[in-house]
Amino acid sequence: MLEDLRLREGLDGWVVRHTAGALRPRSHRHLELELNLVVAGTASYLLDDRRYDLSAGTLTWLFPDQEHVLVDESADHVLWWAVFRPAAVARTATSPHARPLLERDPVGRYSRRIHPQRVQRLAALFGELRDAETLDGGLLNAGLAYLLALAWRAFLESTDVVADREVHPAVDTVARLLQADPDAGDLAALARRVGLSPSHLSRLFVAHMGLSMTRFRNQQRLDRFMRLYGQGRSTTALAAAHQAGFGSYAQFHRVFRKETGRRPSALRTSATDDLT
């Protein structure tokens, strides 16, 4: 799905700090080049029919024609990401070694683990740019160009390539069905859809995704809950949990704690902070 990121007029991109339990996008792509830096915890990316396992210190480039979605986050996962408009990339990636940044889907692996000092330096720059967005658009644009160039150099200097794994077509189909609708069907119904026995599909799913189908389904329900609940101004947590597909508030509470490491009551605290 091609997604419009709705970047502010006059800005060359933006910067976001993502933590486990925050809203995660569904499988998507966008016209902008994307840069990810994991600073804590673990997660995985589904990139077309491949899976990349990410750990702290992993730097990943995602290109405009690459469908991707973040899955299987650990409770302590923290990720910085930035996007860059094509025109901004063209102005910055002018040297021969930077040409892959101009492509829509370059051949090769574009996920590597970088040196801890590089991680700290880039993470600090991400933070500065996030603060600059609301203060000075010109400063943000200059900083984005520097971030792009600095991150690309850190990537090229690393030889620690993150290996990818091919995802079985049946598993890929089921994962995308559950991303679109966590209640797409029970194990038996999904197995019939992809022409496998329930037990075979269950084993394949764990082997290729690194987590059970039940946990993956609950993660998608949690994402739906976060979309519905927002900041709690238009609905209650109980109502949003039921609409998201959780059978009971107790089930939602258990999943929320397991996936985020927090109690759902923390949502009320966050909403109060946003209002003050």
C-alpha atoms as a PDB file:
ATOM      1  CA  MET A   1       0.000   0.000   0.000  1.00  0.00           C
ATOM      2  CA  LEU A   2       1.411   3.381  -1.016  1.00  0.00           C
ATOM      3  CA  GLU A   3       1.075   5.682   1.978  1.00  0.00           C
ATOM      4  CA  ASP A   4       1.031   9.466   1.952  1.00  0.00           C
ATOM      5  CA  LEU A   5       3.125  10.564   4.948  1.00  0.00           C
ATOM      6  CA  ARG A   6       1.710  14.106   4.722  1.00  0.00           C
ATOM      7  CA  LEU A   7       5.003  15.856   5.357  1.00  0.00           C
ATOM      8  CA  ARG A   8       4.703  19.507   6.285  1.00  0.00           C
ATOM      9  CA  GLU A   9       5.144  21.981   3.465  1.00  0.00           C
ATOM     10  CA  GLY A  10       8.693  23.277   3.276  1.00  0.00           C
ATOM     11  CA  LEU A  11      10.241  20.399   5.227  1.00  0.00           C
ATOM     12  CA  ASP A  12      12.542  17.861   3.584  1.00  0.00           C
ATOM     13  CA  GLY A  13      11.423  15.072   5.917  1.00  0.00           C
ATOM     14  CA  TRP A  14      10.877  14.319   9.577  1.00  0.00           C
ATOM     15  CA  VAL A  15      12.236  12.359  12.527  1.00  0.00           C
ATOM     16  CA  VAL A  16      10.346  10.076  14.926  1.00  0.00           C
ATOM     17  CA  ARG A  17      11.323   8.166  18.070  1.00  0.00           C
ATOM     18  CA  HIS A  18       9.381   4.904  18.183  1.00  0.00           C
ATOM     19  CA  THR A  19       9.023   2.725  21.283  1.00  0.00           C
ATOM     20  CA  ALA A  20       7.416  -0.686  21.770  1.00  0.00           C
ATOM     21  CA  GLY A  21       3.677  -0.364  22.233  1.00  0.00           C
ATOM     22  CA  ALA A  22       3.439   2.816  20.182  1.00  0.00           C
ATOM     23  CA  LEU A  23       1.420   2.843  16.991  1.00  0.00           C
ATOM     24  CA  ARG A  24       3.034   0.727  14.282  1.00  0.00           C
ATOM     25  CA  PRO A  25       2.140   1.171  10.617  1.00  0.00           C
ATOM     26  CA  ARG A  26       0.599  -1.628   8.631  1.00  0.00           C
ATOM     27  CA  SER A  27       2.482  -3.050   5.675  1.00  0.00           C
ATOM     28  CA  HIS A  28       3.180  -0.051   3.476  1.00  0.00           C
ATOM     29  CA  ARG A  29       5.622   1.851   1.302  1.00  0.00           C
ATOM     30  CA  HIS A  30       6.050   5.548   0.557  1.00  0.00           C
ATOM     31  CA  LEU A  31       7.784   7.858  -1.888  1.00  0.00           C
ATOM     32  CA  GLU A  32      10.334   8.938   0.717  1.00  0.00           C
ATOM     33  CA  LEU A  33      13.602   7.191   1.548  1.00  0.00           C
ATOM     34  CA  GLU A  34      13.496   5.883   5.135  1.00  0.00           C
ATOM     35  CA  LEU A  35      16.320   5.432   7.643  1.00  0.00           C
ATOM     36  CA  ASN A  36      15.952   3.319  10.814  1.00  0.00           C
ATOM     37  CA  LEU A  37      18.300   3.046  13.791  1.00  0.00           C
ATOM     38  CA  VAL A  38      17.611   0.578  16.614  1.00  0.00           C
ATOM     39  CA  VAL A  39      18.994   1.871  19.914  1.00  0.00           C
ATOM     40  CA  ALA A  40      17.531  -0.752  22.274  1.00  0.00           C
ATOM     41  CA  GLY A  41      15.753  -4.085  22.226  1.00  0.00           C
ATOM     42  CA  THR A  42      14.889  -6.193  19.195  1.00  0.00           C
ATOM     43  CA  ALA A  43      12.339  -6.327  16.390  1.00  0.00           C
ATOM     44  CA  SER A  44      11.928  -7.696  12.878  1.00  0.00           C
ATOM     45  CA  TYR A  45      11.101  -6.176   9.515  1.00  0.00           C
ATOM     46  CA  LEU A  46       9.065  -7.953   6.889  1.00  0.00           C
ATOM     47  CA  LEU A  47      10.394  -6.536   3.650  1.00  0.00           C
ATOM     48  CA  ASP A  48       8.457  -7.906   0.686  1.00  0.00           C
ATOM     49  CA  ASP A  49       8.985 -11.684   1.123  1.00  0.00           C
ATOM     50  CA  ARG A  50      12.076 -11.383   3.334  1.00  0.00           C
ATOM     51  CA  ARG A  51      12.518 -11.039   7.091  1.00  0.00           C
ATOM     52  CA  TYR A  52      15.294  -9.057   8.809  1.00  0.00           C
ATOM     53  CA  ASP A  53      15.962  -9.487  12.530  1.00  0.00           C
ATOM     54  CA  LEU A  54      17.068  -6.227  14.127  1.00  0.00           C
ATOM     55  CA  SER A  55      18.988  -5.663  17.345  1.00  0.00           C
ATOM     56  CA  ALA A  56      20.497  -2.630  19.056  1.00  0.00           C
ATOM     57  CA  GLY A  57      22.916  -0.875  16.733  1.00  0.00           C
ATOM     58  CA  THR A  58      21.190  -1.956  13.514  1.00  0.00           C
ATOM     59  CA  LEU A  59      20.933   0.703  10.823  1.00  0.00           C
ATOM     60  CA  THR A  60      18.482  -0.013   7.995  1.00  0.00           C
ATOM     61  CA  TRP A  61      17.568   1.780   4.768  1.00  0.00           C
ATOM     62  CA  LEU A  62      14.094   1.300   3.283  1.00  0.00           C
ATOM     63  CA  PHE A  63      13.499   2.392  -0.302  1.00  0.00           C
ATOM     64  CA  PRO A  64      10.353   3.711  -2.038  1.00  0.00           C
ATOM     65  CA  ASP A  65       9.364   0.492  -3.824  1.00  0.00           C
ATOM     66  CA  GLN A  66       9.898  -1.741  -0.779  1.00  0.00           C
ATOM     67  CA  GLU A  67       6.760  -2.838   1.055  1.00  0.00           C
ATOM     68  CA  HIS A  68       7.637  -3.158   4.745  1.00  0.00           C
ATOM     69  CA  VAL A  69       6.172  -3.576   8.200  1.00  0.00           C
ATOM     70  CA  LEU A  70       7.707  -3.753  11.684  1.00  0.00           C
ATOM     71  CA  VAL A  71       6.785  -6.865  13.709  1.00  0.00           C
ATOM     72  CA  ASP A  72       7.723  -8.814  16.824  1.00  0.00           C
ATOM     73  CA  GLU A  73       9.051  -5.946  18.962  1.00  0.00           C
ATOM     74  CA  SER A  74      10.556  -6.695  22.360  1.00  0.00           C
ATOM     75  CA  ALA A  75       9.110  -4.737  25.290  1.00  0.00           C
ATOM     76  CA  ASP A  76      12.264  -2.589  25.497  1.00  0.00           C
ATOM     77  CA  HIS A  77      12.494  -1.859  21.771  1.00  0.00           C
ATOM     78  CA  VAL A  78      13.423   1.745  20.865  1.00  0.00           C
ATOM     79  CA  LEU A  79      13.854   2.832  17.257  1.00  0.00           C
ATOM     80  CA  TRP A  80      14.656   6.170  15.627  1.00  0.00           C
ATOM     81  CA  TRP A  81      13.443   6.646  12.087  1.00  0.00           C
ATOM     82  CA  ALA A  82      13.634   9.441   9.569  1.00  0.00           C
ATOM     83  CA  VAL A  83      12.248   9.963   6.092  1.00  0.00           C
ATOM     84  CA  PHE A  84      13.673  12.151   3.329  1.00  0.00           C
ATOM     85  CA  ARG A  85      11.880  13.629   0.329  1.00  0.00           C
ATOM     86  CA  PRO A  86      13.263  12.458  -3.032  1.00  0.00           C
ATOM     87  CA  ALA A  87      14.393  15.991  -3.925  1.00  0.00           C
ATOM     88  CA  ALA A  88      16.340  16.266  -0.660  1.00  0.00           C
ATOM     89  CA  VAL A  89      18.034  12.916  -1.292  1.00  0.00           C
ATOM     90  CA  ALA A  90      18.990  14.012  -4.804  1.00  0.00           C
ATOM     91  CA  ARG A  91      20.622  17.188  -3.439  1.00  0.00           C
ATOM     92  CA  THR A  92      22.631  15.266  -0.853  1.00  0.00           C
ATOM     93  CA  ALA A  93      23.522  11.934  -2.500  1.00  0.00           C
ATOM     94  CA  THR A  94      25.760  13.391  -5.214  1.00  0.00           C
ATOM     95  CA  SER A  95      28.896  11.265  -4.845  1.00  0.00           C
ATOM     96  CA  PRO A  96      29.286   7.956  -6.737  1.00  0.00           C
ATOM     97  CA  HIS A  97      29.260   5.864  -3.562  1.00  0.00           C
ATOM     98  CA  ALA A  98      25.873   7.352  -2.573  1.00  0.00           C
ATOM     99  CA  ARG A  99      24.075   6.454  -5.810  1.00  0.00           C
ATOM    100  CA  PRO A 100      22.110   3.549  -4.282  1.00  0.00           C
ATOM    101  CA  LEU A 101      20.214   6.127  -2.195  1.00  0.00           C
ATOM    102  CA  LEU A 102      18.686   7.478  -5.408  1.00  0.00           C
ATOM    103  CA  GLU A 103      17.220   4.119  -6.436  1.00  0.00           C
ATOM    104  CA  ARG A 104      13.713   2.906  -5.708  1.00  0.00           C
ATOM    105  CA  ASP A 105      14.638  -0.715  -4.924  1.00  0.00           C
ATOM    106  CA  PRO A 106      18.390  -1.306  -5.181  1.00  0.00           C
ATOM    107  CA  VAL A 107      19.886  -4.774  -5.297  1.00  0.00           C
ATOM    108  CA  GLY A 108      21.658  -5.838  -2.104  1.00  0.00           C
ATOM    109  CA  ARG A 109      21.231  -5.834   1.651  1.00  0.00           C
ATOM    110  CA  TYR A 110      20.801  -2.465   3.275  1.00  0.00           C
ATOM    111  CA  SER A 111      20.730  -3.399   6.942  1.00  0.00           C
ATOM    112  CA  ARG A 112      23.975  -3.432   8.953  1.00  0.00           C
ATOM    113  CA  ARG A 113      25.061  -3.211  12.583  1.00  0.00           C
ATOM    114  CA  ILE A 114      27.241  -0.182  13.197  1.00  0.00           C
ATOM    115  CA  HIS A 115      29.812   0.699  15.860  1.00  0.00           C
ATOM    116  CA  PRO A 116      28.352   1.713  19.273  1.00  0.00           C
ATOM    117  CA  GLN A 117      30.003   5.137  19.082  1.00  0.00           C
ATOM    118  CA  ARG A 118      28.292   5.708  15.739  1.00  0.00           C
ATOM    119  CA  VAL A 119      24.984   4.636  17.270  1.00  0.00           C
ATOM    120  CA  GLN A 120      25.368   7.170  20.079  1.00  0.00           C
ATOM    121  CA  ARG A 121      26.322   9.965  17.708  1.00  0.00           C
ATOM    122  CA  LEU A 122      23.466   9.282  15.313  1.00  0.00           C
ATOM    123  CA  ALA A 123      20.935   8.853  18.126  1.00  0.00           C
ATOM    124  CA  ALA A 124      21.946  12.230  19.553  1.00  0.00           C
ATOM    125  CA  LEU A 125      21.514  13.811  16.124  1.00  0.00           C
ATOM    126  CA  PHE A 126      18.097  12.218  15.699  1.00  0.00           C
ATOM    127  CA  GLY A 127      17.072  13.749  19.020  1.00  0.00           C
ATOM    128  CA  GLU A 128      18.316  17.205  18.076  1.00  0.00           C
ATOM    129  CA  LEU A 129      16.433  17.094  14.782  1.00  0.00           C
ATOM    130  CA  ARG A 130      13.208  16.010  16.437  1.00  0.00           C
ATOM    131  CA  ASP A 131      13.439  19.069  18.684  1.00  0.00           C
ATOM    132  CA  ALA A 132      14.328  21.330  15.741  1.00  0.00           C
ATOM    133  CA  GLU A 133      11.185  20.395  13.804  1.00  0.00           C
ATOM    134  CA  THR A 134       8.970  22.634  15.923  1.00  0.00           C
ATOM    135  CA  LEU A 135      11.523  25.444  16.212  1.00  0.00           C
ATOM    136  CA  ASP A 136      13.193  26.033  12.874  1.00  0.00           C
ATOM    137  CA  GLY A 137      12.350  24.343   9.558  1.00  0.00           C
ATOM    138  CA  GLY A 138      15.556  25.564   7.953  1.00  0.00           C
ATOM    139  CA  LEU A 139      17.632  24.073  10.742  1.00  0.00           C
ATOM    140  CA  LEU A 140      15.753  20.782  10.425  1.00  0.00           C
ATOM    141  CA  ASN A 141      16.351  20.612   6.673  1.00  0.00           C
ATOM    142  CA  ALA A 142      20.072  21.283   7.078  1.00  0.00           C
ATOM    143  CA  GLY A 143      20.246  18.665   9.814  1.00  0.00           C
ATOM    144  CA  LEU A 144      18.394  16.084   7.725  1.00  0.00           C
ATOM    145  CA  ALA A 145      20.971  16.457   4.957  1.00  0.00           C
ATOM    146  CA  TYR A 146      23.752  15.959   7.485  1.00  0.00           C
ATOM    147  CA  LEU A 147      21.964  12.962   9.032  1.00  0.00           C
ATOM    148  CA  LEU A 148      21.555  11.366   5.612  1.00  0.00           C
ATOM    149  CA  ALA A 149      25.237  11.775   4.747  1.00  0.00           C
ATOM    150  CA  LEU A 150      26.519  10.747   8.179  1.00  0.00           C
ATOM    151  CA  ALA A 151      24.295   7.652   8.402  1.00  0.00           C
ATOM    152  CA  TRP A 152      25.292   6.537   4.909  1.00  0.00           C
ATOM    153  CA  ARG A 153      28.981   6.828   5.820  1.00  0.00           C
ATOM    154  CA  ALA A 154      28.394   4.809   9.004  1.00  0.00           C
ATOM    155  CA  PHE A 155      26.606   2.180   6.921  1.00  0.00           C
ATOM    156  CA  LEU A 156      29.425   1.926   4.377  1.00  0.00           C
ATOM    157  CA  GLU A 157      32.074   1.661   7.093  1.00  0.00           C
ATOM    158  CA  SER A 158      30.364  -1.379   8.643  1.00  0.00           C
ATOM    159  CA  THR A 159      30.894  -4.909   7.369  1.00  0.00           C
ATOM    160  CA  ASP A 160      28.412  -6.474   9.824  1.00  0.00           C
ATOM    161  CA  VAL A 161      25.610  -7.177   7.357  1.00  0.00           C
ATOM    162  CA  VAL A 162      22.260  -8.291   8.770  1.00  0.00           C
ATOM    163  CA  ALA A 163      21.278 -11.475   6.986  1.00  0.00           C
ATOM    164  CA  ASP A 164      17.778 -11.807   5.623  1.00  0.00           C
ATOM    165  CA  ARG A 165      15.578 -14.849   5.604  1.00  0.00           C
ATOM    166  CA  GLU A 166      13.036 -15.806   2.971  1.00  0.00           C
ATOM    167  CA  VAL A 167       9.523 -16.072   4.359  1.00  0.00           C
ATOM    168  CA  HIS A 168       7.481 -19.048   3.152  1.00  0.00           C
ATOM    169  CA  PRO A 169       4.728 -17.819   0.767  1.00  0.00           C
ATOM    170  CA  ALA A 170       1.986 -19.311   2.949  1.00  0.00           C
ATOM    171  CA  VAL A 171       3.365 -17.616   6.063  1.00  0.00           C
ATOM    172  CA  ASP A 172       3.721 -14.322   4.208  1.00  0.00           C
ATOM    173  CA  THR A 173       0.105 -14.550   3.033  1.00  0.00           C
ATOM    174  CA  VAL A 174      -1.218 -15.316   6.514  1.00  0.00           C
ATOM    175  CA  ALA A 175       0.886 -12.590   8.144  1.00  0.00           C
ATOM    176  CA  ARG A 176      -0.443  -9.975   5.743  1.00  0.00           C
ATOM    177  CA  LEU A 177      -4.026 -11.196   6.207  1.00  0.00           C
ATOM    178  CA  LEU A 178      -3.676 -10.809   9.978  1.00  0.00           C
ATOM    179  CA  GLN A 179      -2.067  -7.385   9.591  1.00  0.00           C
ATOM    180  CA  ALA A 180      -5.103  -6.259   7.599  1.00  0.00           C
ATOM    181  CA  ASP A 181      -7.573  -7.949   9.967  1.00  0.00           C
ATOM    182  CA  PRO A 182      -6.506  -9.730  13.185  1.00  0.00           C
ATOM    183  CA  ASP A 183      -9.819 -11.614  13.073  1.00  0.00           C
ATOM    184  CA  ALA A 184      -9.318 -12.853   9.509  1.00  0.00           C
ATOM    185  CA  GLY A 185      -9.949 -16.447  10.621  1.00  0.00           C
ATOM    186  CA  ASP A 186      -8.886 -19.081  13.092  1.00  0.00           C
ATOM    187  CA  LEU A 187      -5.913 -21.363  12.484  1.00  0.00           C
ATOM    188  CA  ALA A 188      -7.992 -23.961  10.647  1.00  0.00           C
ATOM    189  CA  ALA A 189      -9.575 -21.389   8.315  1.00  0.00           C
ATOM    190  CA  LEU A 190      -6.238 -19.735   7.531  1.00  0.00           C
ATOM    191  CA  ALA A 191      -4.628 -23.122   6.910  1.00  0.00           C
ATOM    192  CA  ARG A 192      -7.351 -24.024   4.410  1.00  0.00           C
ATOM    193  CA  ARG A 193      -6.821 -20.697   2.670  1.00  0.00           C
ATOM    194  CA  VAL A 194      -3.129 -21.411   2.031  1.00  0.00           C
ATOM    195  CA  GLY A 195      -3.535 -25.145   1.396  1.00  0.00           C
ATOM    196  CA  LEU A 196      -1.709 -26.465   4.479  1.00  0.00           C
ATOM    197  CA  SER A 197      -2.679 -28.444   7.546  1.00  0.00           C
ATOM    198  CA  PRO A 198      -3.159 -26.364  10.709  1.00  0.00           C
ATOM    199  CA  SER A 199      -0.211 -28.018  12.455  1.00  0.00           C
ATOM    200  CA  HIS A 200       2.103 -27.501   9.476  1.00  0.00           C
ATOM    201  CA  LEU A 201       1.108 -23.841   9.136  1.00  0.00           C
ATOM    202  CA  SER A 202       1.593 -23.292  12.867  1.00  0.00           C
ATOM    203  CA  ARG A 203       5.105 -24.762  12.795  1.00  0.00           C
ATOM    204  CA  LEU A 204       6.041 -22.856   9.640  1.00  0.00           C
ATOM    205  CA  PHE A 205       4.786 -19.591  11.103  1.00  0.00           C
ATOM    206  CA  VAL A 206       6.964 -19.921  14.211  1.00  0.00           C
ATOM    207  CA  ALA A 207       9.985 -20.997  12.155  1.00  0.00           C
ATOM    208  CA  HIS A 208       9.735 -18.097   9.690  1.00  0.00           C
ATOM    209  CA  MET A 209       8.318 -15.312  11.873  1.00  0.00           C
ATOM    210  CA  GLY A 210      10.016 -16.105  15.161  1.00  0.00           C
ATOM    211  CA  LEU A 211       6.778 -16.010  17.154  1.00  0.00           C
ATOM    212  CA  SER A 212       3.527 -17.920  17.337  1.00  0.00           C
ATOM    213  CA  MET A 213       0.520 -17.013  15.246  1.00  0.00           C
ATOM    214  CA  THR A 214      -1.418 -16.295  18.438  1.00  0.00           C
ATOM    215  CA  ARG A 215       1.132 -13.742  19.587  1.00  0.00           C
ATOM    216  CA  PHE A 216       1.342 -12.191  16.118  1.00  0.00           C
ATOM    217  CA  ARG A 217      -2.447 -11.906  15.997  1.00  0.00           C
ATOM    218  CA  ASN A 218      -2.508 -10.279  19.439  1.00  0.00           C
ATOM    219  CA  GLN A 219       0.155  -7.785  18.370  1.00  0.00           C
ATOM    220  CA  GLN A 220      -2.067  -6.752  15.464  1.00  0.00           C
ATOM    221  CA  ARG A 221      -5.029  -6.408  17.829  1.00  0.00           C
ATOM    222  CA  LEU A 222      -2.902  -4.234  20.079  1.00  0.00           C
ATOM    223  CA  ASP A 223      -2.000  -2.035  17.111  1.00  0.00           C
ATOM    224  CA  ARG A 224      -5.689  -1.723  16.285  1.00  0.00           C
ATOM    225  CA  PHE A 225      -6.419  -0.818  19.904  1.00  0.00           C
ATOM    226  CA  MET A 226      -3.822   1.981  19.812  1.00  0.00           C
ATOM    227  CA  ARG A 227      -5.426   3.363  16.654  1.00  0.00           C
ATOM    228  CA  LEU A 228      -8.901   3.268  18.192  1.00  0.00           C
ATOM    229  CA  TYR A 229      -7.945   4.550  21.624  1.00  0.00           C
ATOM    230  CA  GLY A 230      -5.641   7.361  20.516  1.00  0.00           C
ATOM    231  CA  GLN A 231      -5.240   9.549  23.586  1.00  0.00           C
ATOM    232  CA  GLY A 232      -8.435   8.321  25.218  1.00  0.00           C
ATOM    233  CA  ARG A 233     -10.436  11.423  24.403  1.00  0.00           C
ATOM    234  CA  SER A 234     -13.141   9.790  22.286  1.00  0.00           C
ATOM    235  CA  THR A 235     -13.489   6.269  23.721  1.00  0.00           C
ATOM    236  CA  THR A 236     -12.637   4.171  26.762  1.00  0.00           C
ATOM    237  CA  ALA A 237      -9.895   1.573  26.939  1.00  0.00           C
ATOM    238  CA  LEU A 238     -12.526  -1.132  27.502  1.00  0.00           C
ATOM    239  CA  ALA A 239     -14.515  -0.147  24.413  1.00  0.00           C
ATOM    240  CA  ALA A 240     -11.379   0.126  22.257  1.00  0.00           C
ATOM    241  CA  ALA A 241     -10.137  -3.269  23.500  1.00  0.00           C
ATOM    242  CA  HIS A 242     -13.395  -4.966  22.509  1.00  0.00           C
ATOM    243  CA  GLN A 243     -13.469  -3.219  19.119  1.00  0.00           C
ATOM    244  CA  ALA A 244      -9.858  -4.296  18.529  1.00  0.00           C
ATOM    245  CA  GLY A 245     -10.863  -7.945  18.863  1.00  0.00           C
ATOM    246  CA  PHE A 246      -9.874  -8.796  22.442  1.00  0.00           C
ATOM    247  CA  GLY A 247     -12.376 -11.175  23.998  1.00  0.00           C
ATOM    248  CA  SER A 248     -12.146  -9.557  27.419  1.00  0.00           C
ATOM    249  CA  TYR A 249     -10.425  -6.725  29.215  1.00  0.00           C
ATOM    250  CA  ALA A 250      -8.389  -9.312  31.120  1.00  0.00           C
ATOM    251  CA  GLN A 251      -7.025 -10.674  27.842  1.00  0.00           C
ATOM    252  CA  PHE A 252      -6.217  -7.147  26.636  1.00  0.00           C
ATOM    253  CA  HIS A 253      -4.505  -6.338  29.957  1.00  0.00           C
ATOM    254  CA  ARG A 254      -2.363  -9.482  29.737  1.00  0.00           C
ATOM    255  CA  VAL A 255      -1.318  -8.816  26.117  1.00  0.00           C
ATOM    256  CA  PHE A 256      -0.641  -5.129  26.763  1.00  0.00           C
ATOM    257  CA  ARG A 257       1.674  -5.899  29.682  1.00  0.00           C
ATOM    258  CA  LYS A 258       3.508  -8.639  27.781  1.00  0.00           C
ATOM    259  CA  GLU A 259       4.095  -6.528  24.657  1.00  0.00           C
ATOM    260  CA  THR A 260       4.837  -3.137  26.236  1.00  0.00           C
ATOM    261  CA  GLY A 261       6.109  -3.938  29.722  1.00  0.00           C
ATOM    262  CA  ARG A 262       3.561  -1.471  31.135  1.00  0.00           C
ATOM    263  CA  ARG A 263       0.075  -1.529  32.600  1.00  0.00           C
ATOM    264  CA  PRO A 264      -2.766  -0.069  30.520  1.00  0.00           C
ATOM    265  CA  SER A 265      -3.171   2.607  33.210  1.00  0.00           C
ATOM    266  CA  ALA A 266       0.019   4.156  31.783  1.00  0.00           C
ATOM    267  CA  LEU A 267      -2.083   5.247  28.815  1.00  0.00           C
ATOM    268  CA  ARG A 268      -4.098   7.556  31.059  1.00  0.00           C
ATOM    269  CA  THR A 269      -0.897   9.071  32.399  1.00  0.00           C
ATOM    270  CA  SER A 270       0.365   9.687  28.864  1.00  0.00           C
ATOM    271  CA  ALA A 271      -2.908  11.283  27.825  1.00  0.00           C
ATOM    272  CA  THR A 272      -2.805  13.580  30.882  1.00  0.00           C
ATOM    273  CA  ASP A 273       0.768  14.591  30.085  1.00  0.00           C
ATOM    274  CA  ASP A 274      -0.264  15.453  26.511  1.00  0.00           C
ATOM    275  CA  LEU A 275      -2.977  17.779  27.839  1.00  0.00           C
ATOM    276  CA  THR A 276      -0.693  19.679  30.205  1.00  0.00           C
END
